[in-house]
C-alpha cells in the first residue's frame, strides 16, 4: 500500500483489496499500537497472520477500529462494551439490509 492509498484510507475511503499493517492501521485511526493490540485481544478486530510483525488488517477492521475509537472517546465505553455494541450494530445493519431485500421497509 503506498502513501496515496493510506491517505485515502485516512480520509474515509475503505480499500478492501489491500491490507494494512499494524502501523498503517494505527496511523489511519490515529491510535497507538497498544490500543489496537487490545482490540485484537478482545476479538473486536481480527488480523491475518500469527505474529504481530506480520499482521495484516482488512478494510472492515479499519471501520471497526474507528467505530471502537469513537465509542470509547465519545461515550466512555470499555473494550468489552465496545465489542458488544459493534456486534449489535452490525446485526442491526444486517437486519435492515434483509428487510430492504424482502421489501419490508
C-alpha atoms as a PDB file:
ATOM      1  CA  UNK A   1       0.000   0.000   0.000  1.00  0.00           C
ATOM      2  CA  UNK A   2       1.513   3.329  -0.981  1.00  0.00           C
ATOM      3  CA  UNK A   3       1.177   6.679   0.792  1.00  0.00           C
ATOM      4  CA  UNK A   4      -1.621   7.818  -1.539  1.00  0.00           C
ATOM      5  CA  UNK A   5      -3.671   4.744  -0.631  1.00  0.00           C
ATOM      6  CA  UNK A   6      -3.055   5.363   3.065  1.00  0.00           C
ATOM      7  CA  UNK A   7      -4.258   8.947   2.619  1.00  0.00           C
ATOM      8  CA  UNK A   8      -7.458   7.614   1.029  1.00  0.00           C
ATOM      9  CA  UNK A   9      -7.919   5.235   3.937  1.00  0.00           C
ATOM     10  CA  UNK A  10      -7.304   8.009   6.445  1.00  0.00           C
ATOM     11  CA  UNK A  11      -9.823  10.311   4.782  1.00  0.00           C
ATOM     12  CA  UNK A  12     -12.611   7.765   4.745  1.00  0.00           C
ATOM     13  CA  UNK A  13     -12.325   5.615   1.647  1.00  0.00           C
ATOM     14  CA  UNK A  14     -12.021   1.977   2.668  1.00  0.00           C
ATOM     15  CA  UNK A  15      -9.790  -0.026   0.378  1.00  0.00           C
ATOM     16  CA  UNK A  16     -10.955  -3.653   0.515  1.00  0.00           C
ATOM     17  CA  UNK A  17      -8.453  -5.057  -1.982  1.00  0.00           C
ATOM     18  CA  UNK A  18      -5.466  -4.168   0.144  1.00  0.00           C
ATOM     19  CA  UNK A  19      -4.460  -4.892   3.686  1.00  0.00           C
ATOM     20  CA  UNK A  20      -2.994  -2.650   6.332  1.00  0.00           C
ATOM     21  CA  UNK A  21      -0.051  -3.333   8.576  1.00  0.00           C
ATOM     22  CA  UNK A  22      -0.365  -2.598  12.287  1.00  0.00           C
ATOM     23  CA  UNK A  23       1.466   0.709  11.776  1.00  0.00           C
ATOM     24  CA  UNK A  24      -0.753   1.727   8.873  1.00  0.00           C
ATOM     25  CA  UNK A  25      -3.907   0.864  10.819  1.00  0.00           C
ATOM     26  CA  UNK A  26      -2.654   2.914  13.770  1.00  0.00           C
ATOM     27  CA  UNK A  27      -1.958   5.915  11.537  1.00  0.00           C
ATOM     28  CA  UNK A  28      -5.310   5.586   9.752  1.00  0.00           C
ATOM     29  CA  UNK A  29      -7.124   5.546  13.118  1.00  0.00           C
ATOM     30  CA  UNK A  30      -4.873   7.973  14.934  1.00  0.00           C
ATOM     31  CA  UNK A  31      -4.399   5.366  17.673  1.00  0.00           C
ATOM     32  CA  UNK A  32      -1.478   3.763  19.475  1.00  0.00           C
ATOM     33  CA  UNK A  33      -0.392   0.195  18.707  1.00  0.00           C
ATOM     34  CA  UNK A  34      -1.138  -0.895  22.291  1.00  0.00           C
ATOM     35  CA  UNK A  35      -4.766   0.136  21.830  1.00  0.00           C
ATOM     36  CA  UNK A  36      -5.073  -1.736  18.525  1.00  0.00           C
ATOM     37  CA  UNK A  37      -3.495  -4.810  20.128  1.00  0.00           C
ATOM     38  CA  UNK A  38      -6.143  -4.553  22.857  1.00  0.00           C
ATOM     39  CA  UNK A  39      -8.822  -4.606  20.147  1.00  0.00           C
ATOM     40  CA  UNK A  40      -7.318  -7.805  18.784  1.00  0.00           C
ATOM     41  CA  UNK A  41      -7.131  -9.355  22.276  1.00  0.00           C
ATOM     42  CA  UNK A  42     -10.847  -8.586  22.789  1.00  0.00           C
ATOM     43  CA  UNK A  43     -11.667 -10.032  19.325  1.00  0.00           C
ATOM     44  CA  UNK A  44     -13.035  -6.658  18.192  1.00  0.00           C
ATOM     45  CA  UNK A  45     -10.834  -6.869  15.101  1.00  0.00           C
ATOM     46  CA  UNK A  46      -9.048  -9.904  13.708  1.00  0.00           C
ATOM     47  CA  UNK A  47      -5.772  -9.644  11.837  1.00  0.00           C
ATOM     48  CA  UNK A  48      -4.469 -12.084   9.288  1.00  0.00           C
ATOM     49  CA  UNK A  49      -1.170 -13.580  10.409  1.00  0.00           C
ATOM     50  CA  UNK A  50       0.028 -15.249  13.578  1.00  0.00           C
ATOM     51  CA  UNK A  51       2.669 -12.793  14.771  1.00  0.00           C
ATOM     52  CA  UNK A  52       2.276  -9.064  15.384  1.00  0.00           C
ATOM     53  CA  UNK A  53       5.056  -8.209  12.948  1.00  0.00           C
ATOM     54  CA  UNK A  54       3.189  -9.885  10.070  1.00  0.00           C
ATOM     55  CA  UNK A  55      -0.369  -8.875  10.991  1.00  0.00           C
ATOM     56  CA  UNK A  56      -2.496  -7.500   8.165  1.00  0.00           C
ATOM     57  CA  UNK A  57      -5.864  -5.840   8.684  1.00  0.00           C
ATOM     58  CA  UNK A  58      -8.774  -5.569   6.258  1.00  0.00           C
ATOM     59  CA  UNK A  59     -10.825  -2.512   5.438  1.00  0.00           C
ATOM     60  CA  UNK A  60     -13.566  -3.934   7.670  1.00  0.00           C
ATOM     61  CA  UNK A  61     -11.094  -3.977  10.569  1.00  0.00           C
ATOM     62  CA  UNK A  62     -10.332  -0.326   9.908  1.00  0.00           C
ATOM     63  CA  UNK A  63     -14.032   0.540  10.030  1.00  0.00           C
ATOM     64  CA  UNK A  64     -14.487  -1.407  13.287  1.00  0.00           C
ATOM     65  CA  UNK A  65     -11.380   0.144  14.851  1.00  0.00           C
ATOM     66  CA  UNK A  66     -12.561   3.651  14.004  1.00  0.00           C
ATOM     67  CA  UNK A  67     -16.021   2.897  15.390  1.00  0.00           C
ATOM     68  CA  UNK A  68     -14.448   1.458  18.534  1.00  0.00           C
ATOM     69  CA  UNK A  69     -12.374   4.597  18.960  1.00  0.00           C
ATOM     70  CA  UNK A  70     -15.465   6.799  18.654  1.00  0.00           C
ATOM     71  CA  UNK A  71     -17.407   4.680  21.164  1.00  0.00           C
ATOM     72  CA  UNK A  72     -14.570   4.850  23.658  1.00  0.00           C
ATOM     73  CA  UNK A  73     -13.805   8.545  23.136  1.00  0.00           C
ATOM     74  CA  UNK A  74     -17.360   9.880  22.876  1.00  0.00           C
ATOM     75  CA  UNK A  75     -19.231   7.567  25.247  1.00  0.00           C
ATOM     76  CA  UNK A  76     -16.501   6.244  27.526  1.00  0.00           C
ATOM     77  CA  UNK A  77     -17.370   2.627  26.755  1.00  0.00           C
ATOM     78  CA  UNK A  78     -14.812  -0.002  27.795  1.00  0.00           C
ATOM     79  CA  UNK A  79     -13.484  -2.638  25.395  1.00  0.00           C
ATOM     80  CA  UNK A  80     -15.970  -5.315  26.441  1.00  0.00           C
ATOM     81  CA  UNK A  81     -18.837  -2.873  25.878  1.00  0.00           C
ATOM     82  CA  UNK A  82     -17.365  -1.812  22.552  1.00  0.00           C
ATOM     83  CA  UNK A  83     -17.280  -5.436  21.359  1.00  0.00           C
ATOM     84  CA  UNK A  84     -20.931  -5.898  22.296  1.00  0.00           C
ATOM     85  CA  UNK A  85     -22.017  -2.565  20.801  1.00  0.00           C
ATOM     86  CA  UNK A  86     -20.256  -3.215  17.495  1.00  0.00           C
ATOM     87  CA  UNK A  87     -21.712  -6.708  17.221  1.00  0.00           C
ATOM     88  CA  UNK A  88     -25.213  -5.362  17.880  1.00  0.00           C
ATOM     89  CA  UNK A  89     -24.739  -2.515  15.392  1.00  0.00           C
ATOM     90  CA  UNK A  90     -23.637  -4.989  12.711  1.00  0.00           C
ATOM     91  CA  UNK A  91     -26.577  -7.273  13.454  1.00  0.00           C
ATOM     92  CA  UNK A  92     -28.976  -4.326  13.197  1.00  0.00           C
ATOM     93  CA  UNK A  93     -27.464  -3.308   9.869  1.00  0.00           C
ATOM     94  CA  UNK A  94     -27.787  -6.883   8.615  1.00  0.00           C
ATOM     95  CA  UNK A  95     -31.453  -6.982   9.618  1.00  0.00           C
ATOM     96  CA  UNK A  96     -32.083  -3.658   7.873  1.00  0.00           C
ATOM     97  CA  UNK A  97     -30.445  -5.000   4.718  1.00  0.00           C
ATOM     98  CA  UNK A  98     -32.567  -8.169   4.870  1.00  0.00           C
ATOM     99  CA  UNK A  99     -35.735  -6.095   5.272  1.00  0.00           C
ATOM    100  CA  UNK A 100     -34.820  -3.982   2.229  1.00  0.00           C
ATOM    101  CA  UNK A 101     -34.188  -7.103   0.163  1.00  0.00           C
ATOM    102  CA  UNK A 102     -37.537  -8.630   1.099  1.00  0.00           C
ATOM    103  CA  UNK A 103     -39.346  -5.325   0.581  1.00  0.00           C
ATOM    104  CA  UNK A 104     -40.274  -4.654   4.226  1.00  0.00           C
ATOM    105  CA  UNK A 105     -39.058  -1.109   4.649  1.00  0.00           C
END
